[in-house]
């Protein structure tokens, strides 16, 4: 299974690379290469995911300290019922 996944990853990586290179028919400048490397960097992507998870954890921890408020109400009318004249 691991070998199959490894070969599939390599094949997908080659396909993605061909697609990216095809998007730049005039060639790649250094800034293009840097932008592509940053977008495809596993470490950068995992850092972004970890940052998002940390933000969600912080928000959840903060909300745990907020007081829980419940509100309910009833209405009561003290006016006598209107009488209808015939």
Protein backbone atom coordinates (compact mmCIF):
# COMPACT_ATOMS: atom_id res chain seq x y z
CA UNK A 1 0.00 0.00 0.00
CA UNK A 2 2.79 2.40 0.88
CA UNK A 3 4.53 1.77 -2.44
CA UNK A 4 1.29 2.34 -4.34
CA UNK A 5 0.70 5.62 -2.50
CA UNK A 6 4.28 6.70 -3.14
CA UNK A 7 3.98 6.02 -6.86
CA UNK A 8 0.60 7.77 -7.02
CA UNK A 9 2.07 10.79 -5.23
CA UNK A 10 5.00 10.93 -7.66
CA UNK A 11 2.65 10.64 -10.64
CA UNK A 12 0.33 13.36 -9.29
CA UNK A 13 3.30 15.60 -8.55
CA UNK A 14 4.52 15.24 -12.14
CA UNK A 15 1.05 16.02 -13.50
CA UNK A 16 0.76 19.10 -11.28
CA UNK A 17 4.22 20.24 -12.35
CA UNK A 18 3.31 19.89 -16.03
CA UNK A 19 0.12 21.89 -15.44
CA UNK A 20 2.00 24.68 -13.67
CA UNK A 21 4.72 24.87 -16.32
CA UNK A 22 2.08 24.92 -19.07
CA UNK A 23 0.53 28.00 -17.42
CA UNK A 24 3.78 29.91 -18.13
CA UNK A 25 4.40 29.48 -21.87
CA UNK A 26 7.03 32.26 -21.90
CA UNK A 27 9.03 30.57 -19.13
CA UNK A 28 9.31 31.10 -15.42
CA UNK A 29 10.94 34.08 -13.74
CA UNK A 30 12.57 33.75 -10.36
CA UNK A 31 9.60 35.46 -8.68
CA UNK A 32 7.26 32.93 -10.34
CA UNK A 33 9.37 30.06 -9.03
CA UNK A 34 9.37 31.49 -5.51
CA UNK A 35 5.60 32.00 -5.58
CA UNK A 36 5.04 28.43 -6.80
CA UNK A 37 7.42 27.02 -4.19
CA UNK A 38 5.65 28.88 -1.42
CA UNK A 39 2.23 27.73 -2.58
CA UNK A 40 3.32 24.10 -2.84
CA UNK A 41 5.46 23.90 0.25
CA UNK A 42 4.12 21.22 2.56
CA UNK A 43 5.75 22.83 5.54
CA UNK A 44 4.12 26.17 4.79
CA UNK A 45 0.72 24.60 4.23
CA UNK A 46 0.95 22.59 7.45
CA UNK A 47 1.97 25.75 9.31
CA UNK A 48 -1.08 27.55 7.96
CA UNK A 49 -3.32 24.69 9.07
CA UNK A 50 -1.70 24.68 12.53
CA UNK A 51 -2.17 28.45 12.76
CA UNK A 52 -5.86 28.14 11.89
CA UNK A 53 -6.35 25.35 14.45
CA UNK A 54 -4.60 27.43 17.11
CA UNK A 55 -6.89 30.36 16.34
CA UNK A 56 -9.97 28.15 16.67
CA UNK A 57 -8.67 26.65 19.92
CA UNK A 58 -8.04 30.14 21.32
CA UNK A 59 -11.54 31.26 20.39
CA UNK A 60 -13.07 28.14 21.94
CA UNK A 61 -11.06 28.59 25.15
CA UNK A 62 -12.07 32.24 25.39
CA UNK A 63 -15.76 31.44 24.93
CA UNK A 64 -15.56 28.87 27.75
CA UNK A 65 -14.91 31.70 30.23
CA UNK A 66 -17.85 33.83 29.12
CA UNK A 67 -20.90 33.71 31.37
CA UNK A 68 -23.81 31.68 30.13
CA UNK A 69 -26.93 33.81 29.93
CA UNK A 70 -30.46 32.49 29.65
CA UNK A 71 -33.51 34.64 29.25
CA UNK A 72 -37.15 33.75 29.51
CA UNK A 73 -40.18 35.96 29.96
CA UNK A 74 -43.95 35.84 30.30
CA UNK A 75 -46.50 38.55 29.68
CA UNK A 76 -49.55 39.32 31.73
CA UNK A 77 -52.32 41.70 30.76
CA UNK A 78 -54.16 43.34 33.65
CA UNK A 79 -56.76 45.09 31.52
CA UNK A 80 -60.30 43.73 31.69
CA UNK A 81 -61.62 42.11 28.58
CA UNK A 82 -63.46 44.55 26.31
CA UNK A 83 -67.23 44.25 26.33
CA UNK A 84 -69.10 44.29 23.07
CA UNK A 85 -72.40 46.15 22.90
CA UNK A 86 -75.13 44.81 20.73
